[in-house]
Protein backbone atom coordinates (compact mmCIF):
# COMPACT_ATOMS: atom_id res chain seq x y z
CA MET A 1 9.10 7.39 12.43
CA GLY A 2 10.87 4.34 14.61
CA GLY A 3 12.02 1.87 11.56
CA PHE A 4 11.01 -0.99 10.01
CA ASP A 5 8.75 -2.49 13.17
CA VAL A 6 6.82 0.74 13.11
CA LEU A 7 6.02 0.03 9.53
CA VAL A 8 4.85 -3.33 9.77
CA SER A 9 2.97 -2.55 12.92
CA LEU A 10 1.49 0.44 10.48
CA CYS A 11 0.55 -2.81 8.02
CA ARG A 12 -0.54 -5.41 9.62
CA TYR A 13 -2.89 -2.97 12.12
CA TRP A 14 -4.23 -1.33 8.61
CA HIS A 15 -4.91 -5.09 7.62
CA GLU A 16 -6.96 -5.76 10.70
CA LEU A 17 -8.66 -2.95 10.63
CA CYS A 18 -9.78 -3.64 6.72
CA LEU A 19 -10.71 -6.94 7.27
CA ALA A 20 -13.15 -5.80 9.92
CA ASP A 21 -14.72 -3.31 7.40
CA PRO A 22 -17.39 -4.71 5.70
CA VAL A 23 -16.14 -2.43 2.70
CA ALA A 24 -12.53 -2.90 2.99
CA GLU A 25 -12.61 -6.72 4.05
CA HIS A 26 -13.07 -8.37 0.37
CA PRO A 27 -9.82 -7.22 -1.11
CA PHE A 28 -8.17 -8.32 2.29
CA SER A 29 -10.07 -11.62 2.62
CA GLY A 30 -8.57 -13.39 -0.31
CA ASP A 31 -5.56 -15.30 -1.24
CA LEU A 32 -3.08 -12.51 0.01
CA HIS A 33 0.64 -13.73 -0.42
CA PRO A 34 1.35 -15.38 3.27
CA ARG A 35 3.76 -12.24 4.59
CA HIS A 36 1.69 -9.43 2.50
CA ASP A 37 2.18 -7.17 5.59
CA GLU A 38 6.18 -7.19 5.36
CA ARG A 39 5.87 -7.20 1.81
CA LEU A 40 4.30 -3.57 1.90
CA ALA A 41 6.43 -2.60 5.01
CA ALA A 42 8.99 -2.99 2.58
CA TYR A 43 7.10 -1.38 -0.24
CA LEU A 44 6.93 1.76 2.02
CA ALA A 45 10.04 1.65 3.45
CA GLN A 46 11.57 2.10 0.06
CA ALA A 47 9.06 4.75 -0.85
CA LEU A 48 10.25 6.44 2.33
CA GLY A 49 13.97 6.78 0.88
CA GLY A 50 15.04 3.71 3.05
CA PRO A 51 16.68 0.81 1.92
CA GLU A 52 15.46 -1.06 -1.85
CA LEU A 53 14.08 -4.23 0.66
CA TYR A 54 11.13 -4.40 -2.15
CA ALA A 55 13.41 -4.27 -5.11
CA ALA A 56 15.54 -6.91 -3.35
CA GLY A 57 13.26 -9.30 -2.16
CA CYS A 58 9.78 -9.08 -3.68
CA GLY A 59 9.88 -7.53 -7.37
CA ASP A 60 9.63 -4.05 -9.46
CA GLU A 61 6.99 -1.51 -9.28
CA SER A 62 5.50 -2.81 -12.37
CA SER A 63 5.22 -6.68 -10.71
CA MET A 64 3.78 -4.95 -7.60
CA ARG A 65 1.34 -2.91 -10.05
CA ARG A 66 0.02 -6.18 -11.91
CA LEU A 67 -0.98 -7.81 -8.71
CA HIS A 68 -3.26 -4.94 -8.13
CA ALA A 69 -4.29 -4.23 -11.79
CA GLY A 70 -7.49 -5.37 -13.42
CA ASN A 71 -10.15 -5.47 -10.77
CA GLY A 72 -11.71 -2.35 -12.07
CA SER A 73 -12.13 0.99 -10.25
CA ALA A 74 -13.69 1.00 -7.01
CA LYS A 75 -13.80 4.67 -5.44
CA GLU A 76 -15.71 3.86 -2.20
CA LEU A 77 -13.61 0.70 -1.35
CA ASN A 78 -10.55 3.08 -1.91
CA GLU A 79 -11.81 5.90 -0.08
CA VAL A 80 -12.48 3.24 2.94
CA CYS A 81 -9.31 1.48 2.73
CA LEU A 82 -7.16 5.08 2.56
CA ARG A 83 -9.38 6.42 6.13
CA LEU A 84 -8.49 2.89 7.98
CA PHE A 85 -4.89 3.53 6.78
CA ASP A 86 -5.05 7.52 8.35
CA GLN A 87 -6.44 5.44 11.69
CA ALA A 88 -3.50 3.21 11.39
CA LEU A 89 -1.01 5.93 11.04
CA ASP A 90 -2.72 7.38 14.00
CA GLU A 91 -3.01 4.45 15.96
CA VAL A 92 0.79 3.68 15.49
CA GLY A 93 1.90 7.12 16.77
CA ILE A 94 3.30 8.12 13.47
CA GLU A 95 3.10 12.01 13.71
CA GLY A 96 3.71 15.26 12.23
CA ALA A 97 5.32 15.74 8.85
CA THR A 98 5.93 12.03 8.70
CA ARG A 99 2.24 11.29 8.62
CA VAL A 100 1.02 13.70 6.09
CA ARG A 101 3.67 12.38 3.96
CA MET A 102 2.61 8.58 4.02
CA SER A 103 -0.94 9.73 3.96
CA THR A 104 -0.75 11.55 0.83
CA TYR A 105 2.13 9.21 -1.03
CA PHE A 106 -0.39 6.30 -0.04
CA ARG A 107 -3.40 8.53 -1.57
CA GLU A 108 -1.79 9.40 -4.48
CA ALA A 109 -0.36 5.37 -5.16
CA ALA A 110 -3.70 4.18 -4.85
CA ALA A 111 -4.95 6.97 -7.06
CA SER A 112 -2.46 5.93 -9.60
CA PHE A 113 -3.68 2.45 -9.38
CA ASP A 114 -6.75 3.78 -11.88
CA ALA A 115 -4.84 3.68 -14.83
CA HIS A 116 -4.67 -0.08 -14.67
CA ALA A 117 -8.24 -1.10 -13.55
CA ASP A 118 -9.15 -2.80 -16.28
CA SER A 119 -6.15 -5.06 -17.01
CA LYS A 120 -3.09 -6.22 -15.95
CA ASP A 121 -1.51 -6.00 -19.34
CA LEU A 122 -2.17 -2.68 -19.53
CA VAL A 123 0.89 -2.30 -16.88
CA PRO A 124 4.39 -1.64 -18.75
CA GLU A 125 7.02 -3.60 -18.11
CA ASP A 126 9.34 -0.54 -16.97
CA VAL A 127 7.20 1.77 -14.75
CA PRO A 128 9.68 3.43 -12.17
CA PHE A 129 9.29 2.83 -8.39
CA ASP A 130 6.50 5.04 -6.98
CA TYR A 131 8.89 7.11 -4.23
CA ALA A 132 7.06 9.61 -2.03
CA ARG A 133 7.67 13.43 -2.37
């Protein structure tokens, strides 16, 4: 895919696309971690079988899910964000089987967040890391 720099570019571009969209901008216009894009890139690198960058410096799966929990289910928002993620994959040049794997993984991960949509308290302490298949 091109390495960590490509993942950071993907995350930054996706973030920009979301900020420019009236439906998707809401969660991205708030108080995000100042290194959100790099942290997401580290998470994706680990999910795709690369080095455990996220676990080494950002937290575990449970802590990441708690960051995103308790906001309710938002089907339209999710669909727009996923469409924009696919657009970002195209724009940064991630193609073929890698593109399909990343898009599928991101969709499945987003859908799994609905289990904790109602409360951060629903996230167990020991959620295993969500690796792409």
